[in-house]
N, C-alpha and C. Protein backbone atom coordinates (compact mmCIF):
# COMPACT_ATOMS: atom_id res chain seq x y z
N MET A 1 3.44 6.57 31.69
CA MET A 1 4.74 6.92 31.26
C MET A 1 4.87 8.45 31.15
N ASP A 2 6.02 8.96 31.52
CA ASP A 2 6.30 10.41 31.46
C ASP A 2 6.21 10.91 30.02
N ASN A 3 5.50 12.00 29.81
CA ASN A 3 5.31 12.57 28.47
C ASN A 3 6.61 13.09 27.89
N ASN A 4 7.62 13.31 28.69
CA ASN A 4 8.88 13.79 28.24
C ASN A 4 9.85 12.69 27.80
N VAL A 5 9.46 11.47 27.98
CA VAL A 5 10.31 10.34 27.64
C VAL A 5 10.42 10.20 26.13
N ILE A 6 11.65 10.26 25.64
CA ILE A 6 11.90 10.10 24.19
C ILE A 6 12.01 8.62 23.87
N ILE A 7 12.81 7.92 24.67
CA ILE A 7 13.05 6.50 24.46
C ILE A 7 12.64 5.71 25.70
N ASP A 8 11.78 4.71 25.51
CA ASP A 8 11.41 3.82 26.57
C ASP A 8 12.49 2.75 26.74
N MET A 9 13.35 2.93 27.73
CA MET A 9 14.51 2.02 27.87
C MET A 9 14.06 0.64 28.24
N GLU A 10 12.94 0.48 28.91
CA GLU A 10 12.41 -0.87 29.24
C GLU A 10 12.07 -1.60 27.94
N GLN A 11 11.45 -0.92 26.99
CA GLN A 11 11.15 -1.55 25.72
C GLN A 11 12.43 -1.93 24.96
N LEU A 12 13.40 -1.07 25.04
CA LEU A 12 14.68 -1.36 24.42
C LEU A 12 15.32 -2.61 25.00
N ASP A 13 15.21 -2.72 26.32
CA ASP A 13 15.77 -3.94 26.98
C ASP A 13 15.03 -5.21 26.53
N VAL A 14 13.73 -5.10 26.37
CA VAL A 14 12.92 -6.22 25.88
C VAL A 14 13.43 -6.62 24.51
N MET A 15 13.59 -5.65 23.63
CA MET A 15 14.09 -5.94 22.26
C MET A 15 15.49 -6.50 22.31
N LYS A 16 16.34 -5.96 23.15
CA LYS A 16 17.70 -6.43 23.25
C LYS A 16 17.73 -7.89 23.70
N ASP A 17 16.91 -8.21 24.70
CA ASP A 17 16.80 -9.60 25.15
C ASP A 17 16.25 -10.54 24.05
N SER A 18 15.27 -10.05 23.37
CA SER A 18 14.61 -10.83 22.33
C SER A 18 15.52 -11.07 21.10
N LEU A 19 16.25 -10.02 20.69
CA LEU A 19 17.02 -10.08 19.46
C LEU A 19 18.45 -10.53 19.67
N GLY A 20 18.95 -10.39 20.85
CA GLY A 20 20.34 -10.80 21.14
C GLY A 20 21.34 -10.07 20.23
N ASP A 21 22.12 -10.87 19.50
CA ASP A 21 23.17 -10.30 18.68
C ASP A 21 22.62 -9.48 17.52
N ASP A 22 21.34 -9.64 17.17
CA ASP A 22 20.75 -8.88 16.06
C ASP A 22 20.19 -7.54 16.48
N PHE A 23 20.31 -7.18 17.77
CA PHE A 23 19.75 -5.94 18.25
C PHE A 23 20.35 -4.70 17.55
N ASN A 24 21.64 -4.64 17.39
CA ASN A 24 22.24 -3.48 16.76
C ASN A 24 21.81 -3.37 15.29
N LEU A 25 21.66 -4.50 14.62
CA LEU A 25 21.17 -4.50 13.27
C LEU A 25 19.73 -3.99 13.21
N PHE A 26 18.93 -4.36 14.18
CA PHE A 26 17.53 -3.89 14.27
C PHE A 26 17.53 -2.38 14.38
N LEU A 27 18.33 -1.84 15.28
CA LEU A 27 18.33 -0.38 15.43
C LEU A 27 18.80 0.33 14.17
N GLU A 28 19.83 -0.20 13.52
CA GLU A 28 20.36 0.37 12.28
C GLU A 28 19.25 0.38 11.20
N ILE A 29 18.57 -0.73 11.08
CA ILE A 29 17.49 -0.81 10.07
C ILE A 29 16.35 0.14 10.43
N TYR A 30 16.00 0.17 11.71
CA TYR A 30 14.91 1.09 12.17
C TYR A 30 15.29 2.53 11.77
N LEU A 31 16.46 2.99 12.11
CA LEU A 31 16.85 4.36 11.86
C LEU A 31 16.86 4.68 10.36
N GLU A 32 17.36 3.72 9.54
CA GLU A 32 17.42 3.94 8.08
C GLU A 32 16.00 3.97 7.51
N GLU A 33 15.15 3.00 7.90
CA GLU A 33 13.83 2.90 7.29
C GLU A 33 12.92 4.05 7.64
N VAL A 34 12.99 4.49 8.89
CA VAL A 34 12.16 5.66 9.29
C VAL A 34 12.63 6.89 8.57
N GLN A 35 13.93 7.09 8.43
CA GLN A 35 14.41 8.23 7.67
C GLN A 35 13.95 8.20 6.22
N GLU A 36 13.98 7.05 5.60
CA GLU A 36 13.47 6.88 4.22
C GLU A 36 11.98 7.20 4.14
N SER A 37 11.25 6.72 5.13
CA SER A 37 9.80 6.99 5.16
C SER A 37 9.50 8.47 5.33
N LEU A 38 10.28 9.13 6.19
CA LEU A 38 10.07 10.56 6.38
C LEU A 38 10.38 11.35 5.10
N ASP A 39 11.43 10.91 4.40
CA ASP A 39 11.80 11.57 3.11
C ASP A 39 10.70 11.37 2.12
N THR A 40 10.09 10.19 2.07
CA THR A 40 9.02 9.90 1.13
C THR A 40 7.77 10.75 1.49
N ILE A 41 7.43 10.77 2.75
CA ILE A 41 6.27 11.58 3.20
C ILE A 41 6.47 13.05 2.77
N ALA A 42 7.67 13.56 2.92
CA ALA A 42 7.93 14.95 2.57
C ALA A 42 7.68 15.24 1.09
N GLN A 43 7.80 14.19 0.26
CA GLN A 43 7.60 14.37 -1.19
C GLN A 43 6.13 14.20 -1.61
N LEU A 44 5.31 13.66 -0.76
CA LEU A 44 3.89 13.48 -1.12
C LEU A 44 3.25 14.85 -1.20
N ASP A 45 2.51 15.08 -2.26
CA ASP A 45 1.97 16.47 -2.38
C ASP A 45 0.52 16.54 -2.85
N LYS A 46 -0.13 15.41 -2.98
CA LYS A 46 -1.51 15.49 -3.41
C LYS A 46 -2.38 14.49 -2.62
N LYS A 47 -3.62 14.88 -2.54
CA LYS A 47 -4.57 14.08 -1.72
C LYS A 47 -4.66 12.62 -2.23
N GLU A 48 -4.31 12.36 -3.44
CA GLU A 48 -4.34 10.97 -3.96
C GLU A 48 -3.30 10.09 -3.25
N ASP A 49 -2.32 10.74 -2.61
CA ASP A 49 -1.30 10.03 -1.87
C ASP A 49 -1.69 9.62 -0.47
N ILE A 50 -2.95 9.79 -0.10
CA ILE A 50 -3.38 9.54 1.27
C ILE A 50 -3.15 8.10 1.74
N GLU A 51 -3.31 7.15 0.87
CA GLU A 51 -3.10 5.75 1.26
C GLU A 51 -1.62 5.51 1.52
N THR A 52 -0.74 6.10 0.77
CA THR A 52 0.70 5.96 0.99
C THR A 52 1.06 6.65 2.32
N LEU A 53 0.45 7.80 2.55
CA LEU A 53 0.68 8.53 3.80
C LEU A 53 0.24 7.70 5.00
N GLN A 54 -0.91 7.07 4.88
CA GLN A 54 -1.42 6.22 5.95
C GLN A 54 -0.50 5.01 6.20
N ARG A 55 -0.06 4.39 5.13
CA ARG A 55 0.78 3.21 5.22
C ARG A 55 2.13 3.54 5.85
N LEU A 56 2.71 4.67 5.44
CA LEU A 56 4.04 5.03 5.97
C LEU A 56 3.92 5.47 7.47
N THR A 57 2.92 6.21 7.82
CA THR A 57 2.79 6.59 9.23
C THR A 57 2.47 5.39 10.11
N HIS A 58 1.73 4.45 9.56
CA HIS A 58 1.49 3.20 10.31
C HIS A 58 2.81 2.45 10.53
N SER A 59 3.61 2.33 9.48
CA SER A 59 4.91 1.66 9.61
C SER A 59 5.85 2.33 10.59
N ILE A 60 5.89 3.65 10.55
CA ILE A 60 6.72 4.42 11.47
C ILE A 60 6.21 4.19 12.92
N LYS A 61 4.93 4.22 13.11
CA LYS A 61 4.34 4.01 14.43
C LYS A 61 4.75 2.63 14.99
N SER A 62 4.54 1.61 14.19
CA SER A 62 4.79 0.26 14.66
C SER A 62 6.28 0.02 14.94
N ALA A 63 7.14 0.46 14.03
CA ALA A 63 8.55 0.28 14.23
C ALA A 63 9.07 1.06 15.41
N SER A 64 8.54 2.27 15.57
CA SER A 64 8.96 3.11 16.68
C SER A 64 8.55 2.50 18.03
N LEU A 65 7.40 1.92 18.10
CA LEU A 65 6.98 1.27 19.34
C LEU A 65 7.95 0.15 19.67
N SER A 66 8.34 -0.58 18.68
CA SER A 66 9.35 -1.68 18.91
C SER A 66 10.67 -1.14 19.35
N ALA A 67 11.07 0.01 18.85
CA ALA A 67 12.35 0.60 19.15
C ALA A 67 12.30 1.48 20.42
N GLY A 68 11.12 1.56 21.04
CA GLY A 68 10.99 2.34 22.23
C GLY A 68 10.92 3.86 22.02
N ALA A 69 10.79 4.27 20.78
CA ALA A 69 10.73 5.71 20.45
C ALA A 69 9.28 6.18 20.60
N VAL A 70 8.88 6.40 21.81
CA VAL A 70 7.47 6.63 22.14
C VAL A 70 6.90 7.92 21.57
N LYS A 71 7.67 9.01 21.59
CA LYS A 71 7.19 10.28 21.04
C LYS A 71 7.01 10.18 19.54
N VAL A 72 7.94 9.53 18.86
CA VAL A 72 7.86 9.33 17.43
C VAL A 72 6.60 8.50 17.14
N ALA A 73 6.42 7.44 17.91
CA ALA A 73 5.26 6.56 17.69
C ALA A 73 3.94 7.30 17.93
N ASN A 74 3.90 8.14 18.94
CA ASN A 74 2.67 8.90 19.24
C ASN A 74 2.29 9.86 18.12
N ILE A 75 3.30 10.61 17.62
CA ILE A 75 3.02 11.56 16.53
C ILE A 75 2.64 10.76 15.27
N ALA A 76 3.29 9.66 14.99
CA ALA A 76 2.97 8.86 13.82
C ALA A 76 1.57 8.30 13.93
N LYS A 77 1.16 7.88 15.11
CA LYS A 77 -0.19 7.42 15.37
C LYS A 77 -1.22 8.47 15.06
N TYR A 78 -0.94 9.66 15.55
CA TYR A 78 -1.83 10.80 15.33
C TYR A 78 -1.95 11.07 13.83
N MET A 79 -0.81 11.10 13.16
CA MET A 79 -0.82 11.31 11.72
C MET A 79 -1.52 10.22 10.95
N GLU A 80 -1.34 8.98 11.39
CA GLU A 80 -2.03 7.87 10.79
C GLU A 80 -3.55 8.04 10.86
N ASN A 81 -4.01 8.39 12.07
CA ASN A 81 -5.46 8.61 12.25
C ASN A 81 -5.98 9.74 11.39
N LEU A 82 -5.19 10.79 11.19
CA LEU A 82 -5.61 11.87 10.31
C LEU A 82 -5.68 11.38 8.86
N ALA A 83 -4.72 10.53 8.49
CA ALA A 83 -4.72 9.99 7.13
C ALA A 83 -5.93 9.03 6.93
N ILE A 84 -6.27 8.28 7.95
CA ILE A 84 -7.39 7.40 7.86
C ILE A 84 -8.68 8.20 7.62
N ASN A 85 -8.73 9.37 8.21
CA ASN A 85 -9.88 10.27 8.07
C ASN A 85 -9.76 11.22 6.91
N SER A 86 -8.81 10.90 5.99
CA SER A 86 -8.59 11.70 4.78
C SER A 86 -8.24 13.13 5.01
N SER A 87 -7.57 13.42 6.11
CA SER A 87 -7.13 14.80 6.40
C SER A 87 -5.67 14.96 5.96
N PHE A 88 -5.45 14.92 4.62
CA PHE A 88 -4.11 14.94 4.04
C PHE A 88 -3.30 16.14 4.52
N ASN A 89 -3.85 17.33 4.36
CA ASN A 89 -3.06 18.53 4.68
C ASN A 89 -2.80 18.62 6.14
N GLU A 90 -3.75 18.30 6.98
CA GLU A 90 -3.53 18.35 8.43
C GLU A 90 -2.50 17.32 8.84
N CYS A 91 -2.55 16.16 8.23
CA CYS A 91 -1.56 15.10 8.52
C CYS A 91 -0.16 15.58 8.14
N LYS A 92 -0.06 16.13 6.94
CA LYS A 92 1.27 16.62 6.49
C LYS A 92 1.80 17.77 7.35
N SER A 93 0.90 18.54 7.93
CA SER A 93 1.31 19.65 8.75
C SER A 93 2.03 19.23 10.02
N ASN A 94 1.91 17.97 10.39
CA ASN A 94 2.58 17.41 11.57
C ASN A 94 3.94 16.77 11.23
N LEU A 95 4.32 16.80 9.96
CA LEU A 95 5.56 16.16 9.56
C LEU A 95 6.77 16.76 10.26
N GLU A 96 6.81 18.06 10.40
CA GLU A 96 7.99 18.69 11.03
C GLU A 96 8.14 18.23 12.49
N ASP A 97 7.03 18.13 13.22
CA ASP A 97 7.12 17.62 14.61
C ASP A 97 7.65 16.21 14.62
N LEU A 98 7.18 15.40 13.66
CA LEU A 98 7.62 14.00 13.62
C LEU A 98 9.11 13.96 13.31
N LYS A 99 9.61 14.79 12.42
CA LYS A 99 11.04 14.83 12.09
C LYS A 99 11.88 15.25 13.32
N ILE A 100 11.39 16.25 14.04
CA ILE A 100 12.11 16.73 15.21
C ILE A 100 12.25 15.64 16.26
N GLU A 101 11.14 14.94 16.54
CA GLU A 101 11.18 13.87 17.54
C GLU A 101 12.05 12.70 17.05
N PHE A 102 11.99 12.42 15.77
CA PHE A 102 12.83 11.35 15.24
C PHE A 102 14.29 11.70 15.37
N GLU A 103 14.67 12.95 15.15
CA GLU A 103 16.06 13.36 15.32
C GLU A 103 16.52 13.15 16.76
N LYS A 104 15.64 13.46 17.71
CA LYS A 104 15.99 13.27 19.13
C LYS A 104 16.17 11.79 19.39
N ALA A 105 15.26 10.96 18.91
CA ALA A 105 15.35 9.51 19.12
C ALA A 105 16.61 8.98 18.45
N HIS A 106 16.85 9.45 17.22
CA HIS A 106 18.03 9.01 16.46
C HIS A 106 19.31 9.25 17.24
N GLU A 107 19.40 10.46 17.82
CA GLU A 107 20.59 10.80 18.55
C GLU A 107 20.83 9.86 19.72
N ILE A 108 19.78 9.51 20.42
CA ILE A 108 19.88 8.60 21.58
C ILE A 108 20.18 7.16 21.12
N LEU A 109 19.42 6.68 20.14
CA LEU A 109 19.56 5.28 19.70
C LEU A 109 20.89 5.02 18.99
N SER A 110 21.42 6.02 18.32
CA SER A 110 22.69 5.80 17.64
C SER A 110 23.87 5.67 18.59
N LYS A 111 23.66 6.05 19.83
CA LYS A 111 24.72 5.92 20.84
C LYS A 111 24.62 4.63 21.67
N ILE A 112 23.61 3.86 21.39
CA ILE A 112 23.42 2.62 22.16
C ILE A 112 24.19 1.46 21.53
């Protein structure tokens, strides 16, 4: 897959076929929940929050793969792996990149 692809349209078609009338609700929930997770991650400020950070990045990764948001999923996966290895500060340092890619995905998905 092209590294510049923000949304995997083939994956979106799979989800659309699978969910039928619930597809738009799926996208709405995806966009809301990822935004909430990003807001929560931004508030985490101590190493004791590493498990929450890992859980949230895992959720963002999984949901983004389903929504075809490949760049968001890739950054979330990278952050999840950092959290698994207890690299709290390094993981948090990638949050801005994750937010930027999510905004790009959000812009595309909200027009579908």
